[in-house]
Amino acid sequence: MNRIEVVSLFFNQIDKTKMSPTKAAEEFESFLLEEFLKEGMKPILEEKSFTQRIYWEQFLITVAEKLSEKEPLKFKKALKAYLKSSHNF
């Protein structure tokens, strides 16, 4: 597969990275899972101290990364199918 350009904003700096569509799908799935977990934990984390929230945020990032390794949302599979069908006109 060709490489695609992924643009992200990190500390107000635009970061452009070229990666394979498969890797981009993995990164997106991890990010999406992380956001789902953070939203689900919001009521619990509101009562925690700043330090505890930072700890939990890092924990949720790690959990999201590990979950995405198992591909629960199947973004990579869907992207491969889309790319295959779009090249078979």
PDB file of N, CA and C in Angstrom:
ATOM      1  N   MET A   1       0.839  -1.181   0.000  1.00  0.00           N
ATOM      2  CA  MET A   1       0.000   0.000   0.000  1.00  0.00           C
ATOM      3  C   MET A   1       0.880   1.238   0.000  1.00  0.00           C
ATOM      4  N   ASN A   2       0.362   2.313  -0.554  1.00  0.00           N
ATOM      5  CA  ASN A   2       1.080   3.579  -0.548  1.00  0.00           C
ATOM      6  C   ASN A   2       1.084   4.168   0.845  1.00  0.00           C
ATOM      7  N   ARG A   3       1.987   5.096   1.039  1.00  0.00           N
ATOM      8  CA  ARG A   3       2.041   5.788   2.317  1.00  0.00           C
ATOM      9  C   ARG A   3       1.138   7.011   2.232  1.00  0.00           C
ATOM     10  N   ILE A   4       0.521   7.355   3.344  1.00  0.00           N
ATOM     11  CA  ILE A   4      -0.336   8.528   3.384  1.00  0.00           C
ATOM     12  C   ILE A   4       0.233   9.521   4.383  1.00  0.00           C
ATOM     13  N   GLU A   5      -0.131  10.775   4.224  1.00  0.00           N
ATOM     14  CA  GLU A   5       0.343  11.805   5.138  1.00  0.00           C
ATOM     15  C   GLU A   5      -0.693  12.000   6.232  1.00  0.00           C
ATOM     16  N   VAL A   6      -0.258  11.909   7.466  1.00  0.00           N
ATOM     17  CA  VAL A   6      -1.125  12.085   8.624  1.00  0.00           C
ATOM     18  C   VAL A   6      -0.701  13.368   9.310  1.00  0.00           C
ATOM     19  N   VAL A   7      -1.649  14.239   9.571  1.00  0.00           N
ATOM     20  CA  VAL A   7      -1.359  15.521  10.205  1.00  0.00           C
ATOM     21  C   VAL A   7      -1.946  15.504  11.606  1.00  0.00           C
ATOM     22  N   SER A   8      -1.127  15.868  12.591  1.00  0.00           N
ATOM     23  CA  SER A   8      -1.617  15.948  13.964  1.00  0.00           C
ATOM     24  C   SER A   8      -1.136  17.252  14.586  1.00  0.00           C
ATOM     25  N   LEU A   9      -1.815  17.666  15.638  1.00  0.00           N
ATOM     26  CA  LEU A   9      -1.459  18.882  16.353  1.00  0.00           C
ATOM     27  C   LEU A   9      -0.942  18.468  17.717  1.00  0.00           C
ATOM     28  N   PHE A  10       0.303  18.840  18.018  1.00  0.00           N
ATOM     29  CA  PHE A  10       0.928  18.453  19.279  1.00  0.00           C
ATOM     30  C   PHE A  10       1.564  19.696  19.880  1.00  0.00           C
ATOM     31  N   PHE A  11       1.068  20.134  21.021  1.00  0.00           N
ATOM     32  CA  PHE A  11       1.544  21.354  21.666  1.00  0.00           C
ATOM     33  C   PHE A  11       1.588  22.522  20.678  1.00  0.00           C
ATOM     34  N   ASN A  12       0.489  22.701  19.970  1.00  0.00           N
ATOM     35  CA  ASN A  12       0.321  23.778  18.985  1.00  0.00           C
ATOM     36  C   ASN A  12       1.326  23.726  17.846  1.00  0.00           C
ATOM     37  N   GLN A  13       1.931  22.583  17.619  1.00  0.00           N
ATOM     38  CA  GLN A  13       2.834  22.383  16.488  1.00  0.00           C
ATOM     39  C   GLN A  13       2.190  21.375  15.550  1.00  0.00           C
ATOM     40  N   ILE A  14       2.167  21.704  14.273  1.00  0.00           N
ATOM     41  CA  ILE A  14       1.620  20.764  13.299  1.00  0.00           C
ATOM     42  C   ILE A  14       2.695  19.745  12.970  1.00  0.00           C
ATOM     43  N   ASP A  15       2.347  18.492  13.119  1.00  0.00           N
ATOM     44  CA  ASP A  15       3.278  17.397  12.847  1.00  0.00           C
ATOM     45  C   ASP A  15       2.745  16.605  11.662  1.00  0.00           C
ATOM     46  N   LYS A  16       3.531  16.525  10.613  1.00  0.00           N
ATOM     47  CA  LYS A  16       3.150  15.738   9.439  1.00  0.00           C
ATOM     48  C   LYS A  16       4.012  14.492   9.401  1.00  0.00           C
ATOM     49  N   THR A  17       3.368  13.355   9.291  1.00  0.00           N
ATOM     50  CA  THR A  17       4.060  12.075   9.261  1.00  0.00           C
ATOM     51  C   THR A  17       3.519  11.254   8.106  1.00  0.00           C
ATOM     52  N   LYS A  18       4.409  10.582   7.409  1.00  0.00           N
ATOM     53  CA  LYS A  18       3.959   9.664   6.360  1.00  0.00           C
ATOM     54  C   LYS A  18       4.010   8.259   6.933  1.00  0.00           C
ATOM     55  N   MET A  19       2.892   7.563   6.800  1.00  0.00           N
ATOM     56  CA  MET A  19       2.824   6.189   7.292  1.00  0.00           C
ATOM     57  C   MET A  19       1.900   5.391   6.385  1.00  0.00           C
ATOM     58  N   SER A  20       1.968   4.097   6.544  1.00  0.00           N
ATOM     59  CA  SER A  20       1.107   3.229   5.737  1.00  0.00           C
ATOM     60  C   SER A  20      -0.343   3.413   6.183  1.00  0.00           C
ATOM     61  N   PRO A  21      -1.294   3.206   5.285  1.00  0.00           N
ATOM     62  CA  PRO A  21      -2.702   3.288   5.687  1.00  0.00           C
ATOM     63  C   PRO A  21      -3.039   2.326   6.832  1.00  0.00           C
ATOM     64  N   THR A  22      -2.392   1.168   6.842  1.00  0.00           N
ATOM     65  CA  THR A  22      -2.632   0.196   7.911  1.00  0.00           C
ATOM     66  C   THR A  22      -2.212   0.765   9.260  1.00  0.00           C
ATOM     67  N   LYS A  23      -1.033   1.384   9.308  1.00  0.00           N
ATOM     68  CA  LYS A  23      -0.539   1.988  10.549  1.00  0.00           C
ATOM     69  C   LYS A  23      -1.433   3.154  10.965  1.00  0.00           C
ATOM     70  N   ALA A  24      -1.884   3.942   9.987  1.00  0.00           N
ATOM     71  CA  ALA A  24      -2.787   5.057  10.286  1.00  0.00           C
ATOM     72  C   ALA A  24      -4.090   4.543  10.895  1.00  0.00           C
ATOM     73  N   ALA A  25      -4.611   3.433  10.378  1.00  0.00           N
ATOM     74  CA  ALA A  25      -5.838   2.838  10.920  1.00  0.00           C
ATOM     75  C   ALA A  25      -5.612   2.362  12.350  1.00  0.00           C
ATOM     76  N   GLU A  26      -4.452   1.761  12.613  1.00  0.00           N
ATOM     77  CA  GLU A  26      -4.122   1.306  13.971  1.00  0.00           C
ATOM     78  C   GLU A  26      -4.056   2.489  14.930  1.00  0.00           C
ATOM     79  N   GLU A  27      -3.385   3.561  14.507  1.00  0.00           N
ATOM     80  CA  GLU A  27      -3.249   4.751  15.345  1.00  0.00           C
ATOM     81  C   GLU A  27      -4.617   5.367  15.634  1.00  0.00           C
ATOM     82  N   PHE A  28      -5.464   5.448  14.600  1.00  0.00           N
ATOM     83  CA  PHE A  28      -6.792   6.027  14.779  1.00  0.00           C
ATOM     84  C   PHE A  28      -7.632   5.180  15.726  1.00  0.00           C
ATOM     85  N   GLU A  29      -7.565   3.869  15.570  1.00  0.00           N
ATOM     86  CA  GLU A  29      -8.332   2.976  16.440  1.00  0.00           C
ATOM     87  C   GLU A  29      -7.891   3.141  17.892  1.00  0.00           C
ATOM     88  N   SER A  30      -6.594   3.243  18.122  1.00  0.00           N
ATOM     89  CA  SER A  30      -6.074   3.440  19.467  1.00  0.00           C
ATOM     90  C   SER A  30      -6.568   4.767  20.044  1.00  0.00           C
ATOM     91  N   PHE A  31      -6.517   5.822  19.233  1.00  0.00           N
ATOM     92  CA  PHE A  31      -6.973   7.141  19.676  1.00  0.00           C
ATOM     93  C   PHE A  31      -8.460   7.120  20.011  1.00  0.00           C
ATOM     94  N   LEU A  32      -9.260   6.499  19.149  1.00  0.00           N
ATOM     95  CA  LEU A  32     -10.701   6.448  19.365  1.00  0.00           C
ATOM     96  C   LEU A  32     -11.041   5.667  20.640  1.00  0.00           C
ATOM     97  N   LEU A  33     -10.380   4.540  20.850  1.00  0.00           N
ATOM     98  CA  LEU A  33     -10.603   3.763  22.075  1.00  0.00           C
ATOM     99  C   LEU A  33     -10.216   4.573  23.311  1.00  0.00           C
ATOM    100  N   GLU A  34      -9.106   5.302  23.203  1.00  0.00           N
ATOM    101  CA  GLU A  34      -8.661   6.148  24.313  1.00  0.00           C
ATOM    102  C   GLU A  34      -9.734   7.180  24.660  1.00  0.00           C
ATOM    103  N   GLU A  35     -10.312   7.813  23.647  1.00  0.00           N
ATOM    104  CA  GLU A  35     -11.355   8.813  23.880  1.00  0.00           C
ATOM    105  C   GLU A  35     -12.603   8.182  24.494  1.00  0.00           C
ATOM    106  N   PHE A  36     -12.998   6.993  24.035  1.00  0.00           N
ATOM    107  CA  PHE A  36     -14.136   6.288  24.627  1.00  0.00           C
ATOM    108  C   PHE A  36     -13.882   6.014  26.110  1.00  0.00           C
ATOM    109  N   LEU A  37     -12.686   5.527  26.423  1.00  0.00           N
ATOM    110  CA  LEU A  37     -12.345   5.215  27.813  1.00  0.00           C
ATOM    111  C   LEU A  37     -12.339   6.473  28.678  1.00  0.00           C
ATOM    112  N   LYS A  38     -11.777   7.561  28.171  1.00  0.00           N
ATOM    113  CA  LYS A  38     -11.735   8.815  28.934  1.00  0.00           C
ATOM    114  C   LYS A  38     -13.142   9.326  29.222  1.00  0.00           C
ATOM    115  N   GLU A  39     -14.018   9.277  28.216  1.00  0.00           N
ATOM    116  CA  GLU A  39     -15.401   9.727  28.413  1.00  0.00           C
ATOM    117  C   GLU A  39     -16.109   8.855  29.444  1.00  0.00           C
ATOM    118  N   GLY A  40     -15.886   7.566  29.375  1.00  0.00           N
ATOM    119  CA  GLY A  40     -16.512   6.656  30.325  1.00  0.00           C
ATOM    120  C   GLY A  40     -16.032   6.856  31.751  1.00  0.00           C
ATOM    121  N   MET A  41     -14.793   7.295  31.905  1.00  0.00           N
ATOM    122  CA  MET A  41     -14.210   7.479  33.236  1.00  0.00           C
ATOM    123  C   MET A  41     -14.416   8.892  33.788  1.00  0.00           C
ATOM    124  N   LYS A  42     -14.944   9.813  32.998  1.00  0.00           N
ATOM    125  CA  LYS A  42     -15.086  11.205  33.435  1.00  0.00           C
ATOM    126  C   LYS A  42     -15.787  11.358  34.788  1.00  0.00           C
ATOM    127  N   PRO A  43     -16.939  10.717  35.008  1.00  0.00           N
ATOM    128  CA  PRO A  43     -17.609  10.898  36.302  1.00  0.00           C
ATOM    129  C   PRO A  43     -16.747  10.442  37.483  1.00  0.00           C
ATOM    130  N   ILE A  44     -15.982   9.410  37.294  1.00  0.00           N
ATOM    131  CA  ILE A  44     -15.129   8.893  38.365  1.00  0.00           C
ATOM    132  C   ILE A  44     -13.935   9.811  38.588  1.00  0.00           C
ATOM    133  N   LEU A  45     -13.354  10.315  37.509  1.00  0.00           N
ATOM    134  CA  LEU A  45     -12.134  11.109  37.608  1.00  0.00           C
ATOM    135  C   LEU A  45     -12.375  12.535  38.077  1.00  0.00           C
ATOM    136  N   GLU A  46     -13.612  13.030  37.997  1.00  0.00           N
ATOM    137  CA  GLU A  46     -13.902  14.396  38.436  1.00  0.00           C
ATOM    138  C   GLU A  46     -13.557  14.604  39.900  1.00  0.00           C
ATOM    139  N   GLU A  47     -13.700  13.563  40.704  1.00  0.00           N
ATOM    140  CA  GLU A  47     -13.458  13.670  42.142  1.00  0.00           C
ATOM    141  C   GLU A  47     -11.990  13.463  42.512  1.00  0.00           C
ATOM    142  N   LYS A  48     -11.159  13.101  41.557  1.00  0.00           N
ATOM    143  CA  LYS A  48      -9.752  12.795  41.834  1.00  0.00           C
ATOM    144  C   LYS A  48      -8.896  14.058  41.785  1.00  0.00           C
ATOM    145  N   SER A  49      -7.732  13.975  42.393  1.00  0.00           N
ATOM    146  CA  SER A  49      -6.783  15.090  42.346  1.00  0.00           C
ATOM    147  C   SER A  49      -6.148  15.160  40.960  1.00  0.00           C
ATOM    148  N   PHE A  50      -5.475  16.270  40.690  1.00  0.00           N
ATOM    149  CA  PHE A  50      -4.810  16.452  39.400  1.00  0.00           C
ATOM    150  C   PHE A  50      -3.817  15.322  39.146  1.00  0.00           C
ATOM    151  N   THR A  51      -3.033  14.979  40.157  1.00  0.00           N
ATOM    152  CA  THR A  51      -2.032  13.925  40.017  1.00  0.00           C
ATOM    153  C   THR A  51      -2.686  12.582  39.722  1.00  0.00           C
ATOM    154  N   GLN A  52      -3.760  12.279  40.400  1.00  0.00           N
ATOM    155  CA  GLN A  52      -4.472  11.021  40.154  1.00  0.00           C
ATOM    156  C   GLN A  52      -5.066  10.990  38.751  1.00  0.00           C
ATOM    157  N   ARG A  53      -5.589  12.126  38.287  1.00  0.00           N
ATOM    158  CA  ARG A  53      -6.147  12.174  36.927  1.00  0.00           C
ATOM    159  C   ARG A  53      -5.065  11.945  35.880  1.00  0.00           C
ATOM    160  N   ILE A  54      -3.876  12.503  36.097  1.00  0.00           N
ATOM    161  CA  ILE A  54      -2.756  12.288  35.170  1.00  0.00           C
ATOM    162  C   ILE A  54      -2.392  10.805  35.143  1.00  0.00           C
ATOM    163  N   TYR A  55      -2.313  10.182  36.306  1.00  0.00           N
ATOM    164  CA  TYR A  55      -2.010   8.757  36.389  1.00  0.00           C
ATOM    165  C   TYR A  55      -3.056   7.950  35.624  1.00  0.00           C
ATOM    166  N   TRP A  56      -4.335   8.232  35.882  1.00  0.00           N
ATOM    167  CA  TRP A  56      -5.408   7.497  35.214  1.00  0.00           C
ATOM    168  C   TRP A  56      -5.396   7.722  33.711  1.00  0.00           C
ATOM    169  N   GLU A  57      -5.083   8.946  33.292  1.00  0.00           N
ATOM    170  CA  GLU A  57      -5.018   9.218  31.855  1.00  0.00           C
ATOM    171  C   GLU A  57      -3.940   8.363  31.198  1.00  0.00           C
ATOM    172  N   GLN A  58      -2.785   8.260  31.820  1.00  0.00           N
ATOM    173  CA  GLN A  58      -1.715   7.416  31.281  1.00  0.00           C
ATOM    174  C   GLN A  58      -2.135   5.944  31.268  1.00  0.00           C
ATOM    175  N   PHE A  59      -2.825   5.529  32.313  1.00  0.00           N
ATOM    176  CA  PHE A  59      -3.331   4.156  32.373  1.00  0.00           C
ATOM    177  C   PHE A  59      -4.302   3.891  31.225  1.00  0.00           C
ATOM    178  N   LEU A  60      -5.221   4.818  30.980  1.00  0.00           N
ATOM    179  CA  LEU A  60      -6.207   4.651  29.908  1.00  0.00           C
ATOM    180  C   LEU A  60      -5.551   4.644  28.532  1.00  0.00           C
ATOM    181  N   ILE A  61      -4.505   5.437  28.350  1.00  0.00           N
ATOM    182  CA  ILE A  61      -3.763   5.433  27.081  1.00  0.00           C
ATOM    183  C   ILE A  61      -3.158   4.056  26.852  1.00  0.00           C
ATOM    184  N   THR A  62      -2.557   3.493  27.895  1.00  0.00           N
ATOM    185  CA  THR A  62      -1.943   2.169  27.785  1.00  0.00           C
ATOM    186  C   THR A  62      -2.994   1.099  27.499  1.00  0.00           C
ATOM    187  N   VAL A  63      -4.119   1.170  28.186  1.00  0.00           N
ATOM    188  CA  VAL A  63      -5.199   0.205  27.949  1.00  0.00           C
ATOM    189  C   VAL A  63      -5.698   0.318  26.512  1.00  0.00           C
ATOM    190  N   ALA A  64      -5.881   1.536  26.020  1.00  0.00           N
ATOM    191  CA  ALA A  64      -6.351   1.739  24.643  1.00  0.00           C
ATOM    192  C   ALA A  64      -5.362   1.165  23.638  1.00  0.00           C
ATOM    193  N   GLU A  65      -4.068   1.379  23.882  1.00  0.00           N
ATOM    194  CA  GLU A  65      -3.051   0.832  22.971  1.00  0.00           C
ATOM    195  C   GLU A  65      -3.101  -0.688  22.953  1.00  0.00           C
ATOM    196  N   LYS A  66      -3.225  -1.295  24.127  1.00  0.00           N
ATOM    197  CA  LYS A  66      -3.276  -2.758  24.200  1.00  0.00           C
ATOM    198  C   LYS A  66      -4.554  -3.301  23.564  1.00  0.00           C
ATOM    199  N   LEU A  67      -5.672  -2.641  23.803  1.00  0.00           N
ATOM    200  CA  LEU A  67      -6.925  -3.071  23.179  1.00  0.00           C
ATOM    201  C   LEU A  67      -6.847  -2.967  21.665  1.00  0.00           C
ATOM    202  N   SER A  68      -6.230  -1.908  21.166  1.00  0.00           N
ATOM    203  CA  SER A  68      -6.170  -1.711  19.714  1.00  0.00           C
ATOM    204  C   SER A  68      -5.295  -2.761  19.033  1.00  0.00           C
ATOM    205  N   GLU A  69      -4.385  -3.375  19.774  1.00  0.00           N
ATOM    206  CA  GLU A  69      -3.568  -4.449  19.195  1.00  0.00           C
ATOM    207  C   GLU A  69      -4.437  -5.642  18.795  1.00  0.00           C
ATOM    208  N   LYS A  70      -5.568  -5.812  19.457  1.00  0.00           N
ATOM    209  CA  LYS A  70      -6.498  -6.907  19.150  1.00  0.00           C
ATOM    210  C   LYS A  70      -7.506  -6.499  18.083  1.00  0.00           C
ATOM    211  N   GLU A  71      -7.429  -5.274  17.619  1.00  0.00           N
ATOM    212  CA  GLU A  71      -8.278  -4.745  16.545  1.00  0.00           C
ATOM    213  C   GLU A  71      -9.775  -4.925  16.812  1.00  0.00           C
ATOM    214  N   PRO A  72     -10.286  -4.429  17.939  1.00  0.00           N
ATOM    215  CA  PRO A  72     -11.701  -4.654  18.248  1.00  0.00           C
ATOM    216  C   PRO A  72     -12.665  -3.933  17.307  1.00  0.00           C
ATOM    217  N   LEU A  73     -12.253  -2.820  16.727  1.00  0.00           N
ATOM    218  CA  LEU A  73     -13.151  -2.056  15.855  1.00  0.00           C
ATOM    219  C   LEU A  73     -12.970  -2.386  14.377  1.00  0.00           C
ATOM    220  N   LYS A  74     -11.969  -3.175  14.068  1.00  0.00           N
ATOM    221  CA  LYS A  74     -11.724  -3.681  12.699  1.00  0.00           C
ATOM    222  C   LYS A  74     -11.497  -2.578  11.658  1.00  0.00           C
ATOM    223  N   PHE A  75     -10.913  -1.445  12.070  1.00  0.00           N
ATOM    224  CA  PHE A  75     -10.634  -0.378  11.110  1.00  0.00           C
ATOM    225  C   PHE A  75      -9.639  -0.812  10.046  1.00  0.00           C
ATOM    226  N   LYS A  76      -8.627  -1.571  10.453  1.00  0.00           N
ATOM    227  CA  LYS A  76      -7.614  -2.000   9.491  1.00  0.00           C
ATOM    228  C   LYS A  76      -8.236  -2.883   8.413  1.00  0.00           C
ATOM    229  N   LYS A  77      -9.084  -3.801   8.830  1.00  0.00           N
ATOM    230  CA  LYS A  77      -9.751  -4.699   7.885  1.00  0.00           C
ATOM    231  C   LYS A  77     -10.666  -3.904   6.944  1.00  0.00           C
ATOM    232  N   ALA A  78     -11.403  -2.956   7.499  1.00  0.00           N
ATOM    233  CA  ALA A  78     -12.305  -2.138   6.682  1.00  0.00           C
ATOM    234  C   ALA A  78     -11.525  -1.283   5.692  1.00  0.00           C
ATOM    235  N   LEU A  79     -10.400  -0.723   6.131  1.00  0.00           N
ATOM    236  CA  LEU A  79      -9.583   0.107   5.244  1.00  0.00           C
ATOM    237  C   LEU A  79      -8.995  -0.723   4.112  1.00  0.00           C
ATOM    238  N   LYS A  80      -8.499  -1.912   4.437  1.00  0.00           N
ATOM    239  CA  LYS A  80      -7.950  -2.788   3.392  1.00  0.00           C
ATOM    240  C   LYS A  80      -9.021  -3.138   2.363  1.00  0.00           C
ATOM    241  N   ALA A  81     -10.226  -3.457   2.823  1.00  0.00           N
ATOM    242  CA  ALA A  81     -11.323  -3.791   1.906  1.00  0.00           C
ATOM    243  C   ALA A  81     -11.684  -2.592   1.040  1.00  0.00           C
ATOM    244  N   TYR A  82     -11.708  -1.415   1.642  1.00  0.00           N
ATOM    245  CA  TYR A  82     -12.028  -0.203   0.881  1.00  0.00           C
ATOM    246  C   TYR A  82     -10.969   0.072  -0.177  1.00  0.00           C
ATOM    247  N   LEU A  83      -9.699  -0.006   0.222  1.00  0.00           N
ATOM    248  CA  LEU A  83      -8.618   0.263  -0.733  1.00  0.00           C
ATOM    249  C   LEU A  83      -8.616  -0.761  -1.859  1.00  0.00           C
ATOM    250  N   LYS A  84      -8.904  -2.016  -1.526  1.00  0.00           N
ATOM    251  CA  LYS A  84      -8.948  -3.062  -2.550  1.00  0.00           C
ATOM    252  C   LYS A  84     -10.089  -2.800  -3.532  1.00  0.00           C
ATOM    253  N   SER A  85     -11.255  -2.444  -3.018  1.00  0.00           N
ATOM    254  CA  SER A  85     -12.408  -2.205  -3.896  1.00  0.00           C
ATOM    255  C   SER A  85     -12.247  -0.924  -4.711  1.00  0.00           C
ATOM    256  N   SER A  86     -11.583   0.076  -4.151  1.00  0.00           N
ATOM    257  CA  SER A  86     -11.424   1.337  -4.885  1.00  0.00           C
ATOM    258  C   SER A  86     -10.395   1.217  -6.006  1.00  0.00           C
ATOM    259  N   HIS A  87      -9.516   0.225  -5.942  1.00  0.00           N
ATOM    260  CA  HIS A  87      -8.522   0.015  -7.000  1.00  0.00           C
ATOM    261  C   HIS A  87      -9.017  -0.957  -8.070  1.00  0.00           C
ATOM    262  N   ASN A  88     -10.190  -1.539  -7.884  1.00  0.00           N
ATOM    263  CA  ASN A  88     -10.734  -2.525  -8.830  1.00  0.00           C
ATOM    264  C   ASN A  88     -11.878  -1.942  -9.655  1.00  0.00           C
ATOM    265  N   PHE A  89     -11.698  -0.791 -10.213  1.00  0.00           N
ATOM    266  CA  PHE A  89     -12.773  -0.188 -11.033  1.00  0.00           C
ATOM    267  C   PHE A  89     -12.808  -0.835 -12.373  1.00  0.00           C
TER     268      PHE A  89
END
